[in-house]
């Protein structure tokens, strides 16, 4: 490999701001902030709005639009006459 043309690929800590969940993985993302891990390493810190630990789809809290009190049926009944014109 040529020197100086590849991005810096290193360990980075990602933190979910909604619940504080942290995970370390390798990435080329840069950050001005850093965090000291339990093992003594200091790695760049990337803050995330949501991760698989807080997203409703992965936590099982996602709601289906059909289960919200028959809204879809109300809409279809209300506007059914417009489609027949």
Protein backbone atom coordinates (compact mmCIF):
# COMPACT_ATOMS: atom_id res chain seq x y z
CA UNK A 1 0.00 0.00 0.00
CA UNK A 2 1.12 3.54 -0.70
CA UNK A 3 1.88 5.69 2.32
CA UNK A 4 -0.17 8.82 2.97
CA UNK A 5 -3.20 8.10 0.74
CA UNK A 6 -5.38 6.04 3.09
CA UNK A 7 -7.54 7.46 5.91
CA UNK A 8 -6.60 6.80 9.53
CA UNK A 9 -8.45 3.57 10.45
CA UNK A 10 -8.54 3.19 14.23
CA UNK A 11 -10.73 2.34 17.23
CA UNK A 12 -13.54 4.83 17.84
CA UNK A 13 -16.13 4.96 20.65
CA UNK A 14 -19.74 5.65 19.66
CA UNK A 15 -22.17 6.85 22.36
CA UNK A 16 -25.97 6.88 22.12
CA UNK A 17 -27.03 10.20 23.64
CA UNK A 18 -30.54 9.02 24.47
CA UNK A 19 -29.49 6.23 26.84
CA UNK A 20 -25.69 6.38 27.25
CA UNK A 21 -25.02 3.06 25.48
CA UNK A 22 -21.38 2.88 24.32
CA UNK A 23 -19.65 0.63 21.84
CA UNK A 24 -16.16 0.60 20.36
CA UNK A 25 -15.49 -0.29 16.76
CA UNK A 26 -12.99 0.59 14.09
CA UNK A 27 -13.71 3.57 11.87
CA UNK A 28 -12.14 6.37 9.84
CA UNK A 29 -14.42 9.02 11.39
CA UNK A 30 -12.64 11.83 13.13
CA UNK A 31 -13.68 13.79 16.19
CA UNK A 32 -12.38 16.65 18.30
CA UNK A 33 -13.62 14.90 21.43
CA UNK A 34 -12.09 11.82 23.02
CA UNK A 35 -12.96 9.44 25.83
CA UNK A 36 -10.84 7.31 28.14
CA UNK A 37 -11.98 3.69 28.18
CA UNK A 38 -11.93 1.29 31.13
CA UNK A 39 -8.76 -0.38 29.83
CA UNK A 40 -6.89 2.97 29.80
CA UNK A 41 -6.99 3.67 26.06
CA UNK A 42 -8.04 7.10 24.85
CA UNK A 43 -10.08 6.96 21.65
CA UNK A 44 -12.09 9.50 19.61
CA UNK A 45 -15.72 9.96 20.71
CA UNK A 46 -18.62 10.10 18.23
CA UNK A 47 -22.06 11.04 19.61
CA UNK A 48 -25.13 9.49 17.99
CA UNK A 49 -28.81 10.42 18.27
CA UNK A 50 -30.03 6.82 18.11
CA UNK A 51 -28.60 3.31 17.89
CA UNK A 52 -30.02 -0.19 17.87
CA UNK A 53 -30.32 0.10 21.67
CA UNK A 54 -32.79 3.00 21.46
CA UNK A 55 -34.48 2.76 18.05
CA UNK A 56 -38.13 1.64 18.31
CA UNK A 57 -37.78 -0.92 15.51
CA UNK A 58 -35.01 -2.82 17.33
CA UNK A 59 -36.45 -2.44 20.84
CA UNK A 60 -39.86 -3.78 19.84
CA UNK A 61 -41.73 -0.55 20.65
CA UNK A 62 -42.57 0.33 17.05
CA UNK A 63 -46.27 0.89 16.41
CA UNK A 64 -48.05 -0.10 13.25
CA UNK A 65 -50.29 2.54 11.71
CA UNK A 66 -53.08 -0.03 11.29
CA UNK A 67 -53.20 -0.60 15.06
CA UNK A 68 -53.82 3.05 15.97
CA UNK A 69 -57.58 2.96 16.43
CA UNK A 70 -58.69 2.32 12.85
CA UNK A 71 -57.26 5.53 11.38
CA UNK A 72 -56.67 3.91 8.03
CA UNK A 73 -60.26 2.67 7.83
CA UNK A 74 -61.60 6.10 8.84
CA UNK A 75 -59.51 7.71 6.08
CA UNK A 76 -60.68 5.20 3.47
CA UNK A 77 -64.33 5.66 4.43
CA UNK A 78 -64.07 9.43 4.44
CA UNK A 79 -62.45 9.70 1.01
CA UNK A 80 -63.95 6.63 -0.71
CA UNK A 81 -66.41 8.77 -2.71
CA UNK A 82 -63.67 10.88 -4.30
CA UNK A 83 -62.08 7.95 -6.11
CA UNK A 84 -65.32 6.99 -7.90
CA UNK A 85 -65.64 10.27 -9.83
